[in-house]
Amino acid sequence: MSLHVYDTHTTTLEGKKLHFDVLLQQRDAQKAIDAAKAFLALRQLEVESLSSSDCQFCHTSEQFSELNEQVKKNGYAIITLEGFEQ
């Protein structure tokens, strides 16, 4: 399955920079923003803002086959890149 990748950058209310990718089956900027907000809410992270300028379409790829089930189940998948220490 092809997944559309949205490169997302935002800052928490505490000033911590976050960088993650939102992966969707459809190319839809508003759904990417909604998915990013849902992900941040699950992590109990409050951010300064999250708009189309913070969550931009990057590319479409088939290389994320391991995330297909997660996208089918949740409507999206997230790849954390920066600011999400385990």
C-alpha atoms as a PDB file:
ATOM      1  CA  MET A   1       0.000   0.000   0.000  1.00  0.00           C
ATOM      2  CA  SER A   2       1.224   3.495  -0.806  1.00  0.00           C
ATOM      3  CA  LEU A   3       1.343   5.816   2.173  1.00  0.00           C
ATOM      4  CA  HIS A   4       1.483   9.587   2.050  1.00  0.00           C
ATOM      5  CA  VAL A   5       4.004  11.116   4.433  1.00  0.00           C
ATOM      6  CA  TYR A   6       3.474  14.457   6.170  1.00  0.00           C
ATOM      7  CA  ASP A   7       6.561  15.971   7.778  1.00  0.00           C
ATOM      8  CA  THR A   8       5.472  17.540  11.065  1.00  0.00           C
ATOM      9  CA  HIS A   9       7.296  20.020  13.286  1.00  0.00           C
ATOM     10  CA  THR A  10       5.864  21.661  16.383  1.00  0.00           C
ATOM     11  CA  THR A  11       6.878  22.920  19.819  1.00  0.00           C
ATOM     12  CA  THR A  12       5.396  21.945  23.173  1.00  0.00           C
ATOM     13  CA  LEU A  13       4.177  24.585  25.592  1.00  0.00           C
ATOM     14  CA  GLU A  14       7.393  23.912  27.552  1.00  0.00           C
ATOM     15  CA  GLY A  15       9.480  24.812  24.479  1.00  0.00           C
ATOM     16  CA  LYS A  16      10.522  21.293  23.442  1.00  0.00           C
ATOM     17  CA  LYS A  17      10.791  20.831  19.682  1.00  0.00           C
ATOM     18  CA  LEU A  18       9.018  17.784  18.234  1.00  0.00           C
ATOM     19  CA  HIS A  19       9.518  16.267  14.786  1.00  0.00           C
ATOM     20  CA  PHE A  20       7.502  13.316  13.484  1.00  0.00           C
ATOM     21  CA  ASP A  21       5.959  11.947  10.315  1.00  0.00           C
ATOM     22  CA  VAL A  22       2.252  11.273   9.871  1.00  0.00           C
ATOM     23  CA  LEU A  23       1.457   8.489   7.388  1.00  0.00           C
ATOM     24  CA  LEU A  24      -1.956   8.239   5.724  1.00  0.00           C
ATOM     25  CA  GLN A  25      -3.565   6.166   2.979  1.00  0.00           C
ATOM     26  CA  GLN A  26      -5.014   9.268   1.344  1.00  0.00           C
ATOM     27  CA  ARG A  27      -3.319  12.557   0.578  1.00  0.00           C
ATOM     28  CA  ASP A  28      -5.340  14.885   2.814  1.00  0.00           C
ATOM     29  CA  ALA A  29      -3.671  17.719   4.721  1.00  0.00           C
ATOM     30  CA  GLN A  30      -6.538  18.192   7.199  1.00  0.00           C
ATOM     31  CA  LYS A  31      -6.576  14.473   8.067  1.00  0.00           C
ATOM     32  CA  ALA A  32      -2.814  14.646   8.631  1.00  0.00           C
ATOM     33  CA  ILE A  33      -3.274  17.558  11.045  1.00  0.00           C
ATOM     34  CA  ASP A  34      -6.117  15.739  12.820  1.00  0.00           C
ATOM     35  CA  ALA A  35      -3.986  12.588  13.115  1.00  0.00           C
ATOM     36  CA  ALA A  36      -1.063  14.603  14.494  1.00  0.00           C
ATOM     37  CA  LYS A  37      -3.340  16.216  17.083  1.00  0.00           C
ATOM     38  CA  ALA A  38      -4.770  12.810  18.077  1.00  0.00           C
ATOM     39  CA  PHE A  39      -1.256  11.378  18.437  1.00  0.00           C
ATOM     40  CA  LEU A  40      -0.124  14.305  20.591  1.00  0.00           C
ATOM     41  CA  ALA A  41      -3.247  14.016  22.753  1.00  0.00           C
ATOM     42  CA  LEU A  42      -2.541  10.303  23.330  1.00  0.00           C
ATOM     43  CA  ARG A  43       0.930  11.285  24.501  1.00  0.00           C
ATOM     44  CA  GLN A  44      -0.579  14.065  26.637  1.00  0.00           C
ATOM     45  CA  LEU A  45       1.540  16.664  24.856  1.00  0.00           C
ATOM     46  CA  GLU A  46       0.234  20.204  24.484  1.00  0.00           C
ATOM     47  CA  VAL A  47       1.726  22.213  21.648  1.00  0.00           C
ATOM     48  CA  GLU A  48       1.847  25.888  20.788  1.00  0.00           C
ATOM     49  CA  SER A  49       0.217  25.341  17.402  1.00  0.00           C
ATOM     50  CA  LEU A  50      -0.357  22.718  14.754  1.00  0.00           C
ATOM     51  CA  SER A  51      -1.470  23.948  11.348  1.00  0.00           C
ATOM     52  CA  SER A  52      -0.835  23.212   7.685  1.00  0.00           C
ATOM     53  CA  SER A  53       2.450  25.121   7.893  1.00  0.00           C
ATOM     54  CA  ASP A  54       3.598  22.712  10.662  1.00  0.00           C
ATOM     55  CA  CYS A  55       2.392  19.517   8.944  1.00  0.00           C
ATOM     56  CA  GLN A  56       3.350  19.447   5.275  1.00  0.00           C
ATOM     57  CA  PHE A  57       3.102  16.766   2.608  1.00  0.00           C
ATOM     58  CA  CYS A  58       6.560  15.353   1.944  1.00  0.00           C
ATOM     59  CA  HIS A  59       6.290  12.302  -0.330  1.00  0.00           C
ATOM     60  CA  THR A  60       4.450   9.069  -1.107  1.00  0.00           C
ATOM     61  CA  SER A  61       6.132   5.746  -0.413  1.00  0.00           C
ATOM     62  CA  GLU A  62       5.521   2.013  -0.364  1.00  0.00           C
ATOM     63  CA  GLN A  63       8.503   1.330   1.915  1.00  0.00           C
ATOM     64  CA  PHE A  64       6.482   1.377   5.152  1.00  0.00           C
ATOM     65  CA  SER A  65       4.722  -1.983   4.709  1.00  0.00           C
ATOM     66  CA  GLU A  66       5.227  -2.770   8.417  1.00  0.00           C
ATOM     67  CA  LEU A  67       2.875   0.124   9.226  1.00  0.00           C
ATOM     68  CA  ASN A  68       0.031  -0.879   6.884  1.00  0.00           C
ATOM     69  CA  GLU A  69      -1.966  -2.641   9.626  1.00  0.00           C
ATOM     70  CA  GLN A  70      -1.602   0.323  11.977  1.00  0.00           C
ATOM     71  CA  VAL A  71      -2.859   2.677   9.259  1.00  0.00           C
ATOM     72  CA  LYS A  72      -5.800   0.369   8.509  1.00  0.00           C
ATOM     73  CA  LYS A  73      -6.696   0.116  12.214  1.00  0.00           C
ATOM     74  CA  ASN A  74      -6.159   3.741  13.319  1.00  0.00           C
ATOM     75  CA  GLY A  75      -6.417   5.652  10.056  1.00  0.00           C
ATOM     76  CA  TYR A  76      -2.822   6.804  10.427  1.00  0.00           C
ATOM     77  CA  ALA A  77       0.628   5.820  11.647  1.00  0.00           C
ATOM     78  CA  ILE A  78       3.326   7.946  13.247  1.00  0.00           C
ATOM     79  CA  ILE A  79       7.087   7.761  12.965  1.00  0.00           C
ATOM     80  CA  THR A  80       8.737   9.766  15.746  1.00  0.00           C
ATOM     81  CA  LEU A  81      11.963  11.462  14.711  1.00  0.00           C
ATOM     82  CA  GLU A  82      13.026  14.080  17.279  1.00  0.00           C
ATOM     83  CA  GLY A  83      11.958  15.055  20.781  1.00  0.00           C
ATOM     84  CA  PHE A  84      10.396  11.732  21.797  1.00  0.00           C
ATOM     85  CA  GLU A  85      12.870  10.132  24.168  1.00  0.00           C
ATOM     86  CA  GLN A  86      11.758   6.700  25.265  1.00  0.00           C
END
